[in-house]
C-alpha cells in the first residue's frame, strides 16, 4: 500500500495522482539540498505504486523549469470510454457511470504537469497532476531564488578568499623587502660598533643605534 510522505509543511506536499489525490509526496528545499520523496504511478498515472527518492546539492542543480504536456493516447482513450459510457446510459446506468468516470479520469491524466531540473548535467523529471501546476511553478520560483542566493554567497566567499590571499602575499612581499634591505645594509657595512655591535656605515663617526663614537 502506498502511503503519503510525512511532511512538516503543506507547501512541500504534492499529489501524484488524479484518482488517489490524497496520496502525496514531498519536495523540500533547504540551504544546501533539494530533497525529493515522491510515489511513482502506473496505469496512465492514475494509480500510485513504488517511490522515488533523491537528494541533490544546490551546487549541482541547473536549468529549473515547469512544463505542461498532453498525452494524446490517454486523452483519446478516455474520450472513447466516456462516449461508450454515455451510450450505455439507457441500458445500464451503473455501468455507464463507471465508464464515464474512468473516461474522465483518463482524460485528466493525459494533461500533465512536469517539474524539471538538471543535476550535474543529468535531467530529472517529476510528473504531477494538472491541478498541481501552480504549486509546481511556486516551487520553481522558490528554487530559482535559492540558487541565485547560493551562487551570490559562493561568489562573495570566493572574492573574500582571494582578497585574504592577496593581502597575505602583499604582507609577505613587504616583509621580504624589509629583510632584504636589512641584509643589504649589514653586508655593505665595513665596521661594527664596539659598544652594541650594530653595523656602521662607511665613514660614520658615531653609531646610529647607541650613539657611541666609532673607533
C-alpha atoms as a PDB file:
ATOM      1  CA  UNK A   1       0.000   0.000   0.000  1.00  0.00           C
ATOM      2  CA  UNK A   2       1.361   3.382  -0.984  1.00  0.00           C
ATOM      3  CA  UNK A   3       1.279   5.970   1.786  1.00  0.00           C
ATOM      4  CA  UNK A   4       1.744   9.698   1.706  1.00  0.00           C
ATOM      5  CA  UNK A   5       5.141  11.051   2.679  1.00  0.00           C
ATOM      6  CA  UNK A   6       5.248  12.711   6.092  1.00  0.00           C
ATOM      7  CA  UNK A   7       5.888  16.434   5.629  1.00  0.00           C
ATOM      8  CA  UNK A   8       6.104  19.251   8.151  1.00  0.00           C
ATOM      9  CA  UNK A   9       4.895  21.922   5.730  1.00  0.00           C
ATOM     10  CA  UNK A  10       1.852  21.544   3.468  1.00  0.00           C
ATOM     11  CA  UNK A  11       3.570  23.690   0.833  1.00  0.00           C
ATOM     12  CA  UNK A  12       6.108  20.863   0.376  1.00  0.00           C
ATOM     13  CA  UNK A  13       3.404  18.222  -0.295  1.00  0.00           C
ATOM     14  CA  UNK A  14       2.423  17.286  -3.860  1.00  0.00           C
ATOM     15  CA  UNK A  15      -0.319  14.964  -5.103  1.00  0.00           C
ATOM     16  CA  UNK A  16       0.869  12.436  -7.658  1.00  0.00           C
ATOM     17  CA  UNK A  17      -2.406  11.016  -8.971  1.00  0.00           C
ATOM     18  CA  UNK A  18      -5.744  12.345 -10.148  1.00  0.00           C
ATOM     19  CA  UNK A  19      -7.502   9.208  -8.889  1.00  0.00           C
ATOM     20  CA  UNK A  20      -5.746   8.910  -5.496  1.00  0.00           C
ATOM     21  CA  UNK A  21      -5.291  12.632  -4.964  1.00  0.00           C
ATOM     22  CA  UNK A  22      -4.895  12.180  -1.207  1.00  0.00           C
ATOM     23  CA  UNK A  23      -1.652  10.218  -1.684  1.00  0.00           C
ATOM     24  CA  UNK A  24       1.101  12.812  -1.596  1.00  0.00           C
ATOM     25  CA  UNK A  25       4.854  13.023  -1.775  1.00  0.00           C
ATOM     26  CA  UNK A  26       7.187  15.802  -0.755  1.00  0.00           C
ATOM     27  CA  UNK A  27       9.683  18.085  -2.474  1.00  0.00           C
ATOM     28  CA  UNK A  28      11.594  20.042   0.174  1.00  0.00           C
ATOM     29  CA  UNK A  29      14.233  22.714  -0.170  1.00  0.00           C
ATOM     30  CA  UNK A  30      16.787  23.917   2.378  1.00  0.00           C
ATOM     31  CA  UNK A  31      20.001  25.947   2.224  1.00  0.00           C
ATOM     32  CA  UNK A  32      22.033  23.057   0.823  1.00  0.00           C
ATOM     33  CA  UNK A  33      19.807  20.389  -0.774  1.00  0.00           C
ATOM     34  CA  UNK A  34      16.709  19.736  -2.857  1.00  0.00           C
ATOM     35  CA  UNK A  35      15.107  16.583  -1.449  1.00  0.00           C
ATOM     36  CA  UNK A  36      12.524  14.545  -3.379  1.00  0.00           C
ATOM     37  CA  UNK A  37      10.347  11.825  -1.834  1.00  0.00           C
ATOM     38  CA  UNK A  38       7.552  11.065  -4.299  1.00  0.00           C
ATOM     39  CA  UNK A  39       5.434   7.964  -5.105  1.00  0.00           C
ATOM     40  CA  UNK A  40       5.602   6.654  -8.658  1.00  0.00           C
ATOM     41  CA  UNK A  41       2.437   5.910 -10.634  1.00  0.00           C
ATOM     42  CA  UNK A  42       1.179   3.235 -13.035  1.00  0.00           C
ATOM     43  CA  UNK A  43      -1.880   2.792 -15.298  1.00  0.00           C
ATOM     44  CA  UNK A  44      -1.739   6.132 -17.108  1.00  0.00           C
ATOM     45  CA  UNK A  45      -0.522   7.910 -13.975  1.00  0.00           C
ATOM     46  CA  UNK A  46      -3.697   7.117 -12.030  1.00  0.00           C
ATOM     47  CA  UNK A  47      -2.508   4.512  -9.509  1.00  0.00           C
ATOM     48  CA  UNK A  48       0.371   5.244  -7.073  1.00  0.00           C
ATOM     49  CA  UNK A  49       2.961   2.448  -6.951  1.00  0.00           C
ATOM     50  CA  UNK A  50       6.552   2.457  -5.735  1.00  0.00           C
ATOM     51  CA  UNK A  51       8.558   5.504  -4.756  1.00  0.00           C
ATOM     52  CA  UNK A  52      11.411   7.695  -5.967  1.00  0.00           C
ATOM     53  CA  UNK A  53      13.798   9.438  -3.575  1.00  0.00           C
ATOM     54  CA  UNK A  54      16.590  11.832  -4.409  1.00  0.00           C
ATOM     55  CA  UNK A  55      18.778  14.385  -2.623  1.00  0.00           C
ATOM     56  CA  UNK A  56      20.509  16.900  -4.892  1.00  0.00           C
ATOM     57  CA  UNK A  57      23.020  19.501  -3.622  1.00  0.00           C
ATOM     58  CA  UNK A  58      22.212  23.029  -4.758  1.00  0.00           C
ATOM     59  CA  UNK A  59      25.739  23.369  -6.131  1.00  0.00           C
ATOM     60  CA  UNK A  60      24.921  20.831  -8.867  1.00  0.00           C
ATOM     61  CA  UNK A  61      21.394  21.960  -9.831  1.00  0.00           C
ATOM     62  CA  UNK A  62      20.766  23.925 -13.037  1.00  0.00           C
ATOM     63  CA  UNK A  63      18.030  24.575 -15.614  1.00  0.00           C
ATOM     64  CA  UNK A  64      14.954  24.525 -13.368  1.00  0.00           C
ATOM     65  CA  UNK A  65      11.574  24.798 -15.120  1.00  0.00           C
ATOM     66  CA  UNK A  66       7.959  23.605 -15.123  1.00  0.00           C
ATOM     67  CA  UNK A  67       6.445  22.196 -18.307  1.00  0.00           C
ATOM     68  CA  UNK A  68       2.936  21.184 -19.358  1.00  0.00           C
ATOM     69  CA  UNK A  69       2.216  18.383 -21.795  1.00  0.00           C
ATOM     70  CA  UNK A  70      -0.666  16.369 -23.213  1.00  0.00           C
ATOM     71  CA  UNK A  71      -0.649  12.601 -23.646  1.00  0.00           C
ATOM     72  CA  UNK A  72      -2.965  12.173 -26.600  1.00  0.00           C
ATOM     73  CA  UNK A  73      -3.225   8.409 -26.150  1.00  0.00           C
ATOM     74  CA  UNK A  74      -4.687   8.842 -22.660  1.00  0.00           C
ATOM     75  CA  UNK A  75      -6.992  11.647 -23.767  1.00  0.00           C
ATOM     76  CA  UNK A  76      -8.341   9.760 -26.811  1.00  0.00           C
ATOM     77  CA  UNK A  77      -8.796   6.535 -24.841  1.00  0.00           C
ATOM     78  CA  UNK A  78     -10.599   8.388 -22.061  1.00  0.00           C
ATOM     79  CA  UNK A  79     -12.802  10.182 -24.565  1.00  0.00           C
ATOM     80  CA  UNK A  80     -13.698   6.873 -26.227  1.00  0.00           C
ATOM     81  CA  UNK A  81     -14.578   5.218 -22.902  1.00  0.00           C
ATOM     82  CA  UNK A  82     -16.638   8.241 -21.841  1.00  0.00           C
ATOM     83  CA  UNK A  83     -18.598   8.115 -25.132  1.00  0.00           C
ATOM     84  CA  UNK A  84     -19.241   4.404 -24.599  1.00  0.00           C
ATOM     85  CA  UNK A  85     -20.441   5.228 -21.094  1.00  0.00           C
ATOM     86  CA  UNK A  86     -22.892   7.787 -22.424  1.00  0.00           C
ATOM     87  CA  UNK A  87     -24.162   5.223 -24.944  1.00  0.00           C
ATOM     88  CA  UNK A  88     -24.775   2.746 -22.114  1.00  0.00           C
ATOM     89  CA  UNK A  89     -26.937   5.144 -20.114  1.00  0.00           C
ATOM     90  CA  UNK A  90     -30.151   3.662 -21.482  1.00  0.00           C
ATOM     91  CA  UNK A  91     -29.298   0.028 -20.710  1.00  0.00           C
ATOM     92  CA  UNK A  92     -27.193   0.080 -17.535  1.00  0.00           C
ATOM     93  CA  UNK A  93     -26.877   3.266 -15.530  1.00  0.00           C
ATOM     94  CA  UNK A  94     -24.268   1.859 -13.138  1.00  0.00           C
ATOM     95  CA  UNK A  95     -22.009   0.535 -15.920  1.00  0.00           C
ATOM     96  CA  UNK A  96     -22.418   3.789 -17.816  1.00  0.00           C
ATOM     97  CA  UNK A  97     -21.473   5.816 -14.734  1.00  0.00           C
ATOM     98  CA  UNK A  98     -18.331   3.730 -14.137  1.00  0.00           C
ATOM     99  CA  UNK A  99     -17.310   4.077 -17.789  1.00  0.00           C
ATOM    100  CA  UNK A 100     -17.832   7.843 -17.748  1.00  0.00           C
ATOM    101  CA  UNK A 101     -15.802   8.236 -14.530  1.00  0.00           C
ATOM    102  CA  UNK A 102     -12.952   6.120 -15.913  1.00  0.00           C
ATOM    103  CA  UNK A 103     -13.039   8.082 -19.154  1.00  0.00           C
ATOM    104  CA  UNK A 104     -12.907  11.437 -17.373  1.00  0.00           C
ATOM    105  CA  UNK A 105     -10.010  10.239 -15.187  1.00  0.00           C
ATOM    106  CA  UNK A 106      -8.071   9.099 -18.260  1.00  0.00           C
ATOM    107  CA  UNK A 107      -8.683  12.430 -19.979  1.00  0.00           C
ATOM    108  CA  UNK A 108      -7.481  14.264 -16.863  1.00  0.00           C
ATOM    109  CA  UNK A 109      -4.405  12.035 -16.563  1.00  0.00           C
ATOM    110  CA  UNK A 110      -3.450  12.983 -20.113  1.00  0.00           C
ATOM    111  CA  UNK A 111      -2.976  16.603 -19.034  1.00  0.00           C
ATOM    112  CA  UNK A 112       0.357  16.522 -17.226  1.00  0.00           C
ATOM    113  CA  UNK A 113       2.499  18.998 -15.330  1.00  0.00           C
ATOM    114  CA  UNK A 114       6.200  18.161 -15.046  1.00  0.00           C
ATOM    115  CA  UNK A 115       8.746  19.704 -12.686  1.00  0.00           C
ATOM    116  CA  UNK A 116      12.171  19.546 -14.345  1.00  0.00           C
ATOM    117  CA  UNK A 117      15.734  20.228 -13.237  1.00  0.00           C
ATOM    118  CA  UNK A 118      19.250  19.111 -14.078  1.00  0.00           C
ATOM    119  CA  UNK A 119      21.704  17.698 -11.567  1.00  0.00           C
ATOM    120  CA  UNK A 120      25.297  17.686 -12.782  1.00  0.00           C
ATOM    121  CA  UNK A 121      24.045  17.573 -16.374  1.00  0.00           C
ATOM    122  CA  UNK A 122      21.554  14.729 -15.777  1.00  0.00           C
ATOM    123  CA  UNK A 123      17.891  15.594 -16.382  1.00  0.00           C
ATOM    124  CA  UNK A 124      15.440  14.883 -13.562  1.00  0.00           C
ATOM    125  CA  UNK A 125      11.662  14.961 -14.075  1.00  0.00           C
ATOM    126  CA  UNK A 126       8.770  14.681 -11.636  1.00  0.00           C
ATOM    127  CA  UNK A 127       5.330  14.106 -13.174  1.00  0.00           C
ATOM    128  CA  UNK A 128       2.417  15.762 -11.388  1.00  0.00           C
ATOM    129  CA  UNK A 129      -1.362  16.033 -11.979  1.00  0.00           C
ATOM    130  CA  UNK A 130      -2.556  19.103 -13.873  1.00  0.00           C
ATOM    131  CA  UNK A 131      -4.028  20.681 -10.720  1.00  0.00           C
ATOM    132  CA  UNK A 132      -0.511  20.875  -9.203  1.00  0.00           C
ATOM    133  CA  UNK A 133       0.682  23.235 -11.978  1.00  0.00           C
ATOM    134  CA  UNK A 134       0.562  26.401  -9.861  1.00  0.00           C
ATOM    135  CA  UNK A 135       2.183  24.606  -6.937  1.00  0.00           C
ATOM    136  CA  UNK A 136       4.995  23.409  -9.204  1.00  0.00           C
ATOM    137  CA  UNK A 137       5.559  26.934 -10.547  1.00  0.00           C
ATOM    138  CA  UNK A 138       5.825  28.231  -6.974  1.00  0.00           C
ATOM    139  CA  UNK A 139       8.468  25.590  -6.246  1.00  0.00           C
ATOM    140  CA  UNK A 140      10.310  26.548  -9.441  1.00  0.00           C
ATOM    141  CA  UNK A 141      10.406  30.213  -8.390  1.00  0.00           C
ATOM    142  CA  UNK A 142      11.483  29.343  -4.855  1.00  0.00           C
ATOM    143  CA  UNK A 143      14.277  27.061  -6.076  1.00  0.00           C
ATOM    144  CA  UNK A 144      15.460  29.627  -8.641  1.00  0.00           C
ATOM    145  CA  UNK A 145      15.718  32.293  -5.937  1.00  0.00           C
ATOM    146  CA  UNK A 146      17.527  29.888  -3.617  1.00  0.00           C
ATOM    147  CA  UNK A 147      20.034  29.023  -6.362  1.00  0.00           C
ATOM    148  CA  UNK A 148      20.646  32.731  -7.070  1.00  0.00           C
ATOM    149  CA  UNK A 149      21.284  33.394  -3.370  1.00  0.00           C
ATOM    150  CA  UNK A 150      23.545  30.353  -3.111  1.00  0.00           C
ATOM    151  CA  UNK A 151      25.568  31.440  -6.144  1.00  0.00           C
ATOM    152  CA  UNK A 152      25.901  35.009  -4.824  1.00  0.00           C
ATOM    153  CA  UNK A 153      27.110  33.743  -1.431  1.00  0.00           C
ATOM    154  CA  UNK A 154      29.623  31.467  -3.113  1.00  0.00           C
ATOM    155  CA  UNK A 155      30.932  34.363  -5.223  1.00  0.00           C
ATOM    156  CA  UNK A 156      31.295  36.537  -2.100  1.00  0.00           C
ATOM    157  CA  UNK A 157      33.205  33.772  -0.313  1.00  0.00           C
ATOM    158  CA  UNK A 158      35.473  33.289  -3.315  1.00  0.00           C
ATOM    159  CA  UNK A 159      36.152  37.040  -3.536  1.00  0.00           C
ATOM    160  CA  UNK A 160      36.883  37.189   0.200  1.00  0.00           C
ATOM    161  CA  UNK A 161      39.313  34.278  -0.087  1.00  0.00           C
ATOM    162  CA  UNK A 162      41.082  35.981  -2.995  1.00  0.00           C
ATOM    163  CA  UNK A 163      41.316  39.249  -1.025  1.00  0.00           C
ATOM    164  CA  UNK A 164      42.771  37.469   2.012  1.00  0.00           C
ATOM    165  CA  UNK A 165      45.254  35.590  -0.161  1.00  0.00           C
ATOM    166  CA  UNK A 166      46.317  38.776  -1.958  1.00  0.00           C
ATOM    167  CA  UNK A 167      46.720  40.578   1.377  1.00  0.00           C
ATOM    168  CA  UNK A 168      48.912  37.772   2.696  1.00  0.00           C
ATOM    169  CA  UNK A 169      51.057  37.920  -0.449  1.00  0.00           C
ATOM    170  CA  UNK A 170      51.453  41.697  -0.147  1.00  0.00           C
ATOM    171  CA  UNK A 171      52.427  41.389   3.525  1.00  0.00           C
ATOM    172  CA  UNK A 172      54.994  38.737   2.697  1.00  0.00           C
ATOM    173  CA  UNK A 173      56.445  40.936  -0.048  1.00  0.00           C
ATOM    174  CA  UNK A 174      56.818  43.835   2.408  1.00  0.00           C
ATOM    175  CA  UNK A 175      58.496  41.561   4.975  1.00  0.00           C
ATOM    176  CA  UNK A 176      60.844  40.221   2.312  1.00  0.00           C
ATOM    177  CA  UNK A 177      61.680  43.752   1.172  1.00  0.00           C
ATOM    178  CA  UNK A 178      62.456  44.939   4.720  1.00  0.00           C
ATOM    179  CA  UNK A 179      64.548  41.842   5.387  1.00  0.00           C
ATOM    180  CA  UNK A 180      66.396  42.368   2.125  1.00  0.00           C
ATOM    181  CA  UNK A 181      67.165  45.999   2.984  1.00  0.00           C
ATOM    182  CA  UNK A 182      68.470  44.977   6.405  1.00  0.00           C
ATOM    183  CA  UNK A 183      70.636  42.267   4.894  1.00  0.00           C
ATOM    184  CA  UNK A 184      71.980  44.682   2.293  1.00  0.00           C
ATOM    185  CA  UNK A 185      72.806  47.227   4.972  1.00  0.00           C
ATOM    186  CA  UNK A 186      74.595  44.609   7.051  1.00  0.00           C
ATOM    187  CA  UNK A 187      76.565  43.293   4.099  1.00  0.00           C
ATOM    188  CA  UNK A 188      77.620  46.793   2.989  1.00  0.00           C
ATOM    189  CA  UNK A 189      78.883  47.763   6.448  1.00  0.00           C
ATOM    190  CA  UNK A 190      82.683  47.797   6.766  1.00  0.00           C
ATOM    191  CA  UNK A 191      82.815  48.119  10.574  1.00  0.00           C
ATOM    192  CA  UNK A 192      80.762  47.412  13.667  1.00  0.00           C
ATOM    193  CA  UNK A 193      80.118  49.397  16.838  1.00  0.00           C
ATOM    194  CA  UNK A 194      82.317  48.235  19.708  1.00  0.00           C
ATOM    195  CA  UNK A 195      79.550  49.008  22.209  1.00  0.00           C
ATOM    196  CA  UNK A 196      76.413  47.430  20.705  1.00  0.00           C
ATOM    197  CA  UNK A 197      77.730  45.523  17.693  1.00  0.00           C
ATOM    198  CA  UNK A 198      75.496  47.338  15.207  1.00  0.00           C
ATOM    199  CA  UNK A 199      76.912  47.764  11.678  1.00  0.00           C
ATOM    200  CA  UNK A 200      78.464  51.151  10.947  1.00  0.00           C
ATOM    201  CA  UNK A 201      78.100  52.869   7.625  1.00  0.00           C
ATOM    202  CA  UNK A 202      81.307  53.539   5.820  1.00  0.00           C
ATOM    203  CA  UNK A 203      82.881  56.760   7.125  1.00  0.00           C
ATOM    204  CA  UNK A 204      80.450  57.067  10.070  1.00  0.00           C
ATOM    205  CA  UNK A 205      81.866  58.666  13.229  1.00  0.00           C
ATOM    206  CA  UNK A 206      79.057  57.695  15.580  1.00  0.00           C
ATOM    207  CA  UNK A 207      76.814  54.615  15.920  1.00  0.00           C
ATOM    208  CA  UNK A 208      73.269  55.277  14.696  1.00  0.00           C
ATOM    209  CA  UNK A 209      71.901  52.790  17.242  1.00  0.00           C
ATOM    210  CA  UNK A 210      73.620  53.605  20.558  1.00  0.00           C
ATOM    211  CA  UNK A 211      75.407  56.873  19.727  1.00  0.00           C
ATOM    212  CA  UNK A 212      78.839  55.615  20.747  1.00  0.00           C
ATOM    213  CA  UNK A 213      81.839  57.103  18.973  1.00  0.00           C
ATOM    214  CA  UNK A 214      83.248  54.927  16.252  1.00  0.00           C
ATOM    215  CA  UNK A 215      86.806  53.778  16.695  1.00  0.00           C
END
